[in-house]
């Protein structure tokens, strides 16, 4: 049951593009083979196509590659912000 609450909170964070007190995580998309950070400007994937992972390393080990837009492998996993928002 805790896992479901955790996934629900992570889904909300992804959709709202804010961590809101959650530990950083990445979103891996099964259909594309790509993982992103919270706040990525890419289109929101369908819920059934995503897997939440605790780290970029975990996503890489599972065979996913880093998103070229939000670059989740470049430093910390704080939510992505455009240069305009920084």
PDB file of N, CA and C in Angstrom:
ATOM      1  N   UNK A   1       0.821  -1.193   0.000  1.00  0.00           N
ATOM      2  CA  UNK A   1       0.000   0.000   0.000  1.00  0.00           C
ATOM      3  C   UNK A   1       0.868   1.261   0.000  1.00  0.00           C
ATOM      4  N   UNK A   2       1.978   1.251   0.724  1.00  0.00           N
ATOM      5  CA  UNK A   2       2.883   2.404   0.760  1.00  0.00           C
ATOM      6  C   UNK A   2       3.422   2.711  -0.634  1.00  0.00           C
ATOM      7  N   UNK A   3       3.714   1.671  -1.414  1.00  0.00           N
ATOM      8  CA  UNK A   3       4.220   1.866  -2.768  1.00  0.00           C
ATOM      9  C   UNK A   3       3.197   2.615  -3.621  1.00  0.00           C
ATOM     10  N   UNK A   4       1.922   2.266  -3.483  1.00  0.00           N
ATOM     11  CA  UNK A   4       0.888   2.941  -4.258  1.00  0.00           C
ATOM     12  C   UNK A   4       0.801   4.414  -3.889  1.00  0.00           C
ATOM     13  N   UNK A   5       0.881   4.730  -2.610  1.00  0.00           N
ATOM     14  CA  UNK A   5       0.857   6.135  -2.193  1.00  0.00           C
ATOM     15  C   UNK A   5       2.080   6.855  -2.739  1.00  0.00           C
ATOM     16  N   UNK A   6       3.215   6.195  -2.683  1.00  0.00           N
ATOM     17  CA  UNK A   6       4.445   6.797  -3.186  1.00  0.00           C
ATOM     18  C   UNK A   6       4.336   7.063  -4.687  1.00  0.00           C
ATOM     19  N   UNK A   7       3.845   6.092  -5.447  1.00  0.00           N
ATOM     20  CA  UNK A   7       3.683   6.283  -6.886  1.00  0.00           C
ATOM     21  C   UNK A   7       2.673   7.383  -7.176  1.00  0.00           C
ATOM     22  N   UNK A   8       1.613   7.455  -6.390  1.00  0.00           N
ATOM     23  CA  UNK A   8       0.621   8.513  -6.575  1.00  0.00           C
ATOM     24  C   UNK A   8       1.219   9.884  -6.334  1.00  0.00           C
ATOM     25  N   UNK A   9       2.019  10.001  -5.289  1.00  0.00           N
ATOM     26  CA  UNK A   9       2.676  11.276  -4.987  1.00  0.00           C
ATOM     27  C   UNK A   9       3.680  11.628  -6.082  1.00  0.00           C
ATOM     28  N   UNK A  10       4.383  10.631  -6.573  1.00  0.00           N
ATOM     29  CA  UNK A  10       5.355  10.880  -7.645  1.00  0.00           C
ATOM     30  C   UNK A  10       4.645  11.273  -8.940  1.00  0.00           C
ATOM     31  N   UNK A  11       3.526  10.632  -9.240  1.00  0.00           N
ATOM     32  CA  UNK A  11       2.750  10.998 -10.427  1.00  0.00           C
ATOM     33  C   UNK A  11       2.297  12.456 -10.325  1.00  0.00           C
ATOM     34  N   UNK A  12       1.771  12.845  -9.164  1.00  0.00           N
ATOM     35  CA  UNK A  12       1.331  14.234  -8.968  1.00  0.00           C
ATOM     36  C   UNK A  12       2.494  15.207  -9.125  1.00  0.00           C
ATOM     37  N   UNK A  13       3.648  14.847  -8.587  1.00  0.00           N
ATOM     38  CA  UNK A  13       4.830  15.705  -8.714  1.00  0.00           C
ATOM     39  C   UNK A  13       5.225  15.852 -10.178  1.00  0.00           C
ATOM     40  N   UNK A  14       5.149  14.758 -10.920  1.00  0.00           N
ATOM     41  CA  UNK A  14       5.512  14.798 -12.331  1.00  0.00           C
ATOM     42  C   UNK A  14       4.536  15.679 -13.113  1.00  0.00           C
ATOM     43  N   UNK A  15       3.249  15.490 -12.903  1.00  0.00           N
ATOM     44  CA  UNK A  15       2.231  16.257 -13.625  1.00  0.00           C
ATOM     45  C   UNK A  15       2.313  17.742 -13.274  1.00  0.00           C
ATOM     46  N   UNK A  16       2.548  18.046 -11.987  1.00  0.00           N
ATOM     47  CA  UNK A  16       2.624  19.439 -11.533  1.00  0.00           C
ATOM     48  C   UNK A  16       4.011  20.050 -11.700  1.00  0.00           C
ATOM     49  N   UNK A  17       4.985  19.207 -12.084  1.00  0.00           N
ATOM     50  CA  UNK A  17       6.371  19.634 -12.317  1.00  0.00           C
ATOM     51  C   UNK A  17       7.016  20.247 -11.073  1.00  0.00           C
ATOM     52  N   UNK A  18       6.660  19.678  -9.899  1.00  0.00           N
ATOM     53  CA  UNK A  18       7.215  20.141  -8.612  1.00  0.00           C
ATOM     54  C   UNK A  18       7.372  18.946  -7.682  1.00  0.00           C
ATOM     55  N   UNK A  19       8.463  18.911  -6.926  1.00  0.00           N
ATOM     56  CA  UNK A  19       8.701  17.808  -5.994  1.00  0.00           C
ATOM     57  C   UNK A  19       7.883  17.925  -4.716  1.00  0.00           C
ATOM     58  N   UNK A  20       7.592  19.118  -4.255  1.00  0.00           N
ATOM     59  CA  UNK A  20       6.776  19.332  -3.052  1.00  0.00           C
ATOM     60  C   UNK A  20       7.169  18.429  -1.885  1.00  0.00           C
ATOM     61  N   UNK A  21       8.437  18.455  -1.520  1.00  0.00           N
ATOM     62  CA  UNK A  21       8.905  17.712  -0.357  1.00  0.00           C
ATOM     63  C   UNK A  21       9.294  16.270  -0.612  1.00  0.00           C
ATOM     64  N   UNK A  22       9.095  15.767  -1.812  1.00  0.00           N
ATOM     65  CA  UNK A  22       9.501  14.398  -2.129  1.00  0.00           C
ATOM     66  C   UNK A  22      10.997  14.358  -2.413  1.00  0.00           C
ATOM     67  N   UNK A  23      11.599  13.199  -2.191  1.00  0.00           N
ATOM     68  CA  UNK A  23      12.990  13.013  -2.592  1.00  0.00           C
ATOM     69  C   UNK A  23      13.058  13.021  -4.121  1.00  0.00           C
ATOM     70  N   UNK A  24      14.151  13.508  -4.690  1.00  0.00           N
ATOM     71  CA  UNK A  24      14.284  13.518  -6.157  1.00  0.00           C
ATOM     72  C   UNK A  24      14.180  12.106  -6.734  1.00  0.00           C
ATOM     73  N   UNK A  25      13.646  12.009  -7.928  1.00  0.00           N
ATOM     74  CA  UNK A  25      13.491  10.737  -8.624  1.00  0.00           C
ATOM     75  C   UNK A  25      13.471  11.007 -10.119  1.00  0.00           C
ATOM     76  N   UNK A  26      13.528   9.944 -10.911  1.00  0.00           N
ATOM     77  CA  UNK A  26      13.418  10.082 -12.362  1.00  0.00           C
ATOM     78  C   UNK A  26      12.198   9.316 -12.845  1.00  0.00           C
ATOM     79  N   UNK A  27      11.718   9.716 -14.005  1.00  0.00           N
ATOM     80  CA  UNK A  27      10.575   9.080 -14.640  1.00  0.00           C
ATOM     81  C   UNK A  27      11.092   8.358 -15.871  1.00  0.00           C
ATOM     82  N   UNK A  28      10.968   7.040 -15.907  1.00  0.00           N
ATOM     83  CA  UNK A  28      11.397   6.252 -17.057  1.00  0.00           C
ATOM     84  C   UNK A  28      10.161   5.900 -17.884  1.00  0.00           C
ATOM     85  N   UNK A  29      10.262   6.089 -19.191  1.00  0.00           N
ATOM     86  CA  UNK A  29       9.126   5.850 -20.086  1.00  0.00           C
ATOM     87  C   UNK A  29       9.398   4.583 -20.890  1.00  0.00           C
ATOM     88  N   UNK A  30       8.577   3.571 -20.662  1.00  0.00           N
ATOM     89  CA  UNK A  30       8.783   2.271 -21.311  1.00  0.00           C
ATOM     90  C   UNK A  30       8.726   2.356 -22.838  1.00  0.00           C
ATOM     91  N   UNK A  31       7.820   3.159 -23.370  1.00  0.00           N
ATOM     92  CA  UNK A  31       7.620   3.192 -24.823  1.00  0.00           C
ATOM     93  C   UNK A  31       8.745   3.881 -25.579  1.00  0.00           C
ATOM     94  N   UNK A  32       9.451   4.786 -24.920  1.00  0.00           N
ATOM     95  CA  UNK A  32      10.539   5.507 -25.591  1.00  0.00           C
ATOM     96  C   UNK A  32      11.921   5.043 -25.160  1.00  0.00           C
ATOM     97  N   UNK A  33      12.002   4.399 -23.986  1.00  0.00           N
ATOM     98  CA  UNK A  33      13.300   3.988 -23.461  1.00  0.00           C
ATOM     99  C   UNK A  33      14.094   5.142 -22.879  1.00  0.00           C
ATOM    100  N   UNK A  34      13.419   6.248 -22.559  1.00  0.00           N
ATOM    101  CA  UNK A  34      14.070   7.460 -22.059  1.00  0.00           C
ATOM    102  C   UNK A  34      13.657   7.712 -20.617  1.00  0.00           C
ATOM    103  N   UNK A  35      14.575   8.285 -19.829  1.00  0.00           N
ATOM    104  CA  UNK A  35      14.196   8.726 -18.484  1.00  0.00           C
ATOM    105  C   UNK A  35      14.412  10.225 -18.364  1.00  0.00           C
ATOM    106  N   UNK A  36      13.537  10.864 -17.570  1.00  0.00           N
ATOM    107  CA  UNK A  36      13.526  12.320 -17.413  1.00  0.00           C
ATOM    108  C   UNK A  36      13.494  12.689 -15.942  1.00  0.00           C
ATOM    109  N   UNK A  37      13.827  13.948 -15.667  1.00  0.00           N
ATOM    110  CA  UNK A  37      13.673  14.486 -14.316  1.00  0.00           C
ATOM    111  C   UNK A  37      12.291  15.121 -14.198  1.00  0.00           C
ATOM    112  N   UNK A  38      11.850  15.361 -12.972  1.00  0.00           N
ATOM    113  CA  UNK A  38      10.595  16.075 -12.735  1.00  0.00           C
ATOM    114  C   UNK A  38      10.714  17.457 -13.368  1.00  0.00           C
ATOM    115  N   UNK A  39       9.666  17.885 -14.050  1.00  0.00           N
ATOM    116  CA  UNK A  39       9.668  19.200 -14.675  1.00  0.00           C
ATOM    117  C   UNK A  39      10.152  19.219 -16.106  1.00  0.00           C
ATOM    118  N   UNK A  40      10.471  18.079 -16.668  1.00  0.00           N
ATOM    119  CA  UNK A  40      10.940  18.033 -18.056  1.00  0.00           C
ATOM    120  C   UNK A  40       9.887  18.662 -18.968  1.00  0.00           C
ATOM    121  N   UNK A  41      10.322  19.482 -19.935  1.00  0.00           N
ATOM    122  CA  UNK A  41       9.357  20.123 -20.829  1.00  0.00           C
ATOM    123  C   UNK A  41       8.758  19.183 -21.881  1.00  0.00           C
ATOM    124  N   UNK A  42       9.230  17.959 -21.943  1.00  0.00           N
ATOM    125  CA  UNK A  42       8.672  17.009 -22.911  1.00  0.00           C
ATOM    126  C   UNK A  42       7.214  16.706 -22.560  1.00  0.00           C
ATOM    127  N   UNK A  43       6.488  16.225 -23.524  1.00  0.00           N
ATOM    128  CA  UNK A  43       5.078  15.883 -23.326  1.00  0.00           C
ATOM    129  C   UNK A  43       4.934  14.849 -22.208  1.00  0.00           C
ATOM    130  N   UNK A  44       3.908  14.978 -21.396  1.00  0.00           N
ATOM    131  CA  UNK A  44       3.663  14.041 -20.298  1.00  0.00           C
ATOM    132  C   UNK A  44       3.264  12.687 -20.872  1.00  0.00           C
ATOM    133  N   UNK A  45       3.993  11.627 -20.503  1.00  0.00           N
ATOM    134  CA  UNK A  45       3.657  10.297 -21.020  1.00  0.00           C
ATOM    135  C   UNK A  45       2.396   9.753 -20.353  1.00  0.00           C
ATOM    136  N   UNK A  46       1.793   8.764 -20.975  1.00  0.00           N
ATOM    137  CA  UNK A  46       0.646   8.097 -20.369  1.00  0.00           C
ATOM    138  C   UNK A  46       1.099   7.372 -19.107  1.00  0.00           C
ATOM    139  N   UNK A  47       0.261   7.386 -18.106  1.00  0.00           N
ATOM    140  CA  UNK A  47       0.602   6.810 -16.795  1.00  0.00           C
ATOM    141  C   UNK A  47       1.032   5.345 -16.909  1.00  0.00           C
ATOM    142  N   UNK A  48       0.359   4.592 -17.768  1.00  0.00           N
ATOM    143  CA  UNK A  48       0.661   3.159 -17.870  1.00  0.00           C
ATOM    144  C   UNK A  48       2.021   2.886 -18.512  1.00  0.00           C
ATOM    145  N   UNK A  49       2.648   3.902 -19.093  1.00  0.00           N
ATOM    146  CA  UNK A  49       3.942   3.721 -19.764  1.00  0.00           C
ATOM    147  C   UNK A  49       5.138   4.136 -18.925  1.00  0.00           C
ATOM    148  N   UNK A  50       4.924   4.554 -17.681  1.00  0.00           N
ATOM    149  CA  UNK A  50       6.045   5.060 -16.891  1.00  0.00           C
ATOM    150  C   UNK A  50       6.393   4.163 -15.719  1.00  0.00           C
ATOM    151  N   UNK A  51       7.653   4.277 -15.320  1.00  0.00           N
ATOM    152  CA  UNK A  51       8.177   3.616 -14.131  1.00  0.00           C
ATOM    153  C   UNK A  51       8.945   4.685 -13.367  1.00  0.00           C
ATOM    154  N   UNK A  52       8.685   4.797 -12.073  1.00  0.00           N
ATOM    155  CA  UNK A  52       9.423   5.751 -11.250  1.00  0.00           C
ATOM    156  C   UNK A  52      10.670   5.067 -10.713  1.00  0.00           C
ATOM    157  N   UNK A  53      11.790   5.748 -10.795  1.00  0.00           N
ATOM    158  CA  UNK A  53      13.052   5.205 -10.293  1.00  0.00           C
ATOM    159  C   UNK A  53      13.709   6.229  -9.385  1.00  0.00           C
ATOM    160  N   UNK A  54      14.452   5.729  -8.416  1.00  0.00           N
ATOM    161  CA  UNK A  54      15.051   6.599  -7.405  1.00  0.00           C
ATOM    162  C   UNK A  54      16.243   7.400  -7.909  1.00  0.00           C
ATOM    163  N   UNK A  55      16.881   6.937  -8.980  1.00  0.00           N
ATOM    164  CA  UNK A  55      18.089   7.627  -9.444  1.00  0.00           C
ATOM    165  C   UNK A  55      18.290   7.426 -10.940  1.00  0.00           C
ATOM    166  N   UNK A  56      19.112   8.290 -11.514  1.00  0.00           N
ATOM    167  CA  UNK A  56      19.477   8.157 -12.921  1.00  0.00           C
ATOM    168  C   UNK A  56      20.256   6.860 -13.135  1.00  0.00           C
ATOM    169  N   UNK A  57      21.104   6.508 -12.179  1.00  0.00           N
ATOM    170  CA  UNK A  57      21.871   5.269 -12.284  1.00  0.00           C
ATOM    171  C   UNK A  57      20.980   4.044 -12.347  1.00  0.00           C
ATOM    172  N   UNK A  58      19.939   4.040 -11.551  1.00  0.00           N
ATOM    173  CA  UNK A  58      18.994   2.926 -11.558  1.00  0.00           C
ATOM    174  C   UNK A  58      18.297   2.828 -12.920  1.00  0.00           C
ATOM    175  N   UNK A  59      17.940   3.955 -13.492  1.00  0.00           N
ATOM    176  CA  UNK A  59      17.294   3.960 -14.812  1.00  0.00           C
ATOM    177  C   UNK A  59      18.255   3.458 -15.889  1.00  0.00           C
ATOM    178  N   UNK A  60      19.513   3.903 -15.838  1.00  0.00           N
ATOM    179  CA  UNK A  60      20.513   3.434 -16.814  1.00  0.00           C
ATOM    180  C   UNK A  60      20.713   1.933 -16.703  1.00  0.00           C
ATOM    181  N   UNK A  61      20.801   1.423 -15.479  1.00  0.00           N
ATOM    182  CA  UNK A  61      20.982  -0.016 -15.276  1.00  0.00           C
ATOM    183  C   UNK A  61      19.810  -0.814 -15.829  1.00  0.00           C
ATOM    184  N   UNK A  62      18.628  -0.206 -15.838  1.00  0.00           N
ATOM    185  CA  UNK A  62      17.438  -0.872 -16.367  1.00  0.00           C
ATOM    186  C   UNK A  62      17.340  -0.747 -17.886  1.00  0.00           C
ATOM    187  N   UNK A  63      18.311  -0.065 -18.516  1.00  0.00           N
ATOM    188  CA  UNK A  63      18.355   0.025 -19.965  1.00  0.00           C
ATOM    189  C   UNK A  63      17.765   1.285 -20.573  1.00  0.00           C
ATOM    190  N   UNK A  64      17.435   2.273 -19.747  1.00  0.00           N
ATOM    191  CA  UNK A  64      16.902   3.539 -20.259  1.00  0.00           C
ATOM    192  C   UNK A  64      18.052   4.499 -20.549  1.00  0.00           C
ATOM    193  N   UNK A  65      17.818   5.459 -21.448  1.00  0.00           N
ATOM    194  CA  UNK A  65      18.821   6.486 -21.731  1.00  0.00           C
ATOM    195  C   UNK A  65      18.284   7.840 -21.283  1.00  0.00           C
ATOM    196  N   UNK A  66      19.202   8.761 -21.016  1.00  0.00           N
ATOM    197  CA  UNK A  66      18.835  10.080 -20.496  1.00  0.00           C
ATOM    198  C   UNK A  66      18.154  10.935 -21.558  1.00  0.00           C
ATOM    199  N   UNK A  67      17.175  11.701 -21.132  1.00  0.00           N
ATOM    200  CA  UNK A  67      16.485  12.665 -21.991  1.00  0.00           C
ATOM    201  C   UNK A  67      17.472  13.757 -22.403  1.00  0.00           C
ATOM    202  N   UNK A  68      17.436  14.146 -23.655  1.00  0.00           N
ATOM    203  CA  UNK A  68      18.341  15.190 -24.139  1.00  0.00           C
ATOM    204  C   UNK A  68      17.813  16.591 -23.851  1.00  0.00           C
ATOM    205  N   UNK A  69      16.557  16.696 -23.429  1.00  0.00           N
ATOM    206  CA  UNK A  69      15.994  18.019 -23.116  1.00  0.00           C
ATOM    207  C   UNK A  69      16.269  18.419 -21.673  1.00  0.00           C
ATOM    208  N   UNK A  70      15.970  17.525 -20.717  1.00  0.00           N
ATOM    209  CA  UNK A  70      16.126  17.902 -19.300  1.00  0.00           C
ATOM    210  C   UNK A  70      17.426  17.388 -18.687  1.00  0.00           C
ATOM    211  N   UNK A  71      18.147  16.540 -19.391  1.00  0.00           N
ATOM    212  CA  UNK A  71      19.461  16.023 -18.981  1.00  0.00           C
ATOM    213  C   UNK A  71      19.512  15.584 -17.511  1.00  0.00           C
ATOM    214  N   UNK A  72      18.774  14.539 -17.158  1.00  0.00           N
ATOM    215  CA  UNK A  72      18.745  14.090 -15.769  1.00  0.00           C
ATOM    216  C   UNK A  72      20.060  13.487 -15.286  1.00  0.00           C
ATOM    217  N   UNK A  73      20.985  13.231 -16.187  1.00  0.00           N
ATOM    218  CA  UNK A  73      22.281  12.666 -15.806  1.00  0.00           C
ATOM    219  C   UNK A  73      23.333  13.749 -15.570  1.00  0.00           C
ATOM    220  N   UNK A  74      22.953  15.016 -15.695  1.00  0.00           N
ATOM    221  CA  UNK A  74      23.897  16.130 -15.541  1.00  0.00           C
ATOM    222  C   UNK A  74      23.715  16.804 -14.184  1.00  0.00           C
ATOM    223  N   UNK A  75      24.205  16.175 -13.138  1.00  0.00           N
ATOM    224  CA  UNK A  75      24.136  16.788 -11.810  1.00  0.00           C
ATOM    225  C   UNK A  75      22.977  16.291 -10.981  1.00  0.00           C
ATOM    226  N   UNK A  76      22.491  17.170 -10.111  1.00  0.00           N
ATOM    227  CA  UNK A  76      21.430  16.758  -9.189  1.00  0.00           C
ATOM    228  C   UNK A  76      20.104  16.580  -9.929  1.00  0.00           C
ATOM    229  N   UNK A  77      19.124  16.017  -9.228  1.00  0.00           N
ATOM    230  CA  UNK A  77      17.833  15.741  -9.841  1.00  0.00           C
ATOM    231  C   UNK A  77      16.760  16.737  -9.420  1.00  0.00           C
ATOM    232  N   UNK A  78      17.165  17.950  -9.097  1.00  0.00           N
ATOM    233  CA  UNK A  78      16.153  18.953  -8.775  1.00  0.00           C
ATOM    234  C   UNK A  78      15.299  19.176 -10.021  1.00  0.00           C
ATOM    235  N   UNK A  79      14.068  19.641  -9.851  1.00  0.00           N
ATOM    236  CA  UNK A  79      13.200  19.809 -11.011  1.00  0.00           C
ATOM    237  C   UNK A  79      13.836  20.669 -12.094  1.00  0.00           C
ATOM    238  N   UNK A  80      13.624  20.285 -13.329  1.00  0.00           N
ATOM    239  CA  UNK A  80      14.168  21.004 -14.476  1.00  0.00           C
ATOM    240  C   UNK A  80      13.515  22.372 -14.559  1.00  0.00           C
ATOM    241  N   UNK A  81      14.316  23.376 -14.887  1.00  0.00           N
ATOM    242  CA  UNK A  81      13.804  24.731 -15.130  1.00  0.00           C
ATOM    243  C   UNK A  81      14.479  25.259 -16.379  1.00  0.00           C
ATOM    244  N   UNK A  82      13.734  25.970 -17.164  1.00  0.00           N
ATOM    245  CA  UNK A  82      14.322  26.558 -18.365  1.00  0.00           C
ATOM    246  C   UNK A  82      15.235  27.705 -17.957  1.00  0.00           C
ATOM    247  N   UNK A  83      16.098  28.121 -18.839  1.00  0.00           N
ATOM    248  CA  UNK A  83      17.006  29.233 -18.549  1.00  0.00           C
ATOM    249  C   UNK A  83      16.213  30.492 -18.220  1.00  0.00           C
ATOM    250  N   UNK A  84      15.066  30.649 -18.831  1.00  0.00           N
ATOM    251  CA  UNK A  84      14.206  31.806 -18.576  1.00  0.00           C
ATOM    252  C   UNK A  84      13.680  31.816 -17.135  1.00  0.00           C
ATOM    253  N   UNK A  85      13.442  30.626 -16.552  1.00  0.00           N
ATOM    254  CA  UNK A  85      12.884  30.514 -15.203  1.00  0.00           C
ATOM    255  C   UNK A  85      13.931  30.574 -14.102  1.00  0.00           C
ATOM    256  N   UNK A  86      15.207  30.531 -14.449  1.00  0.00           N
ATOM    257  CA  UNK A  86      16.258  30.457 -13.421  1.00  0.00           C
ATOM    258  C   UNK A  86      16.538  31.776 -12.787  1.00  0.00           C
TER     259      UNK A  86
END
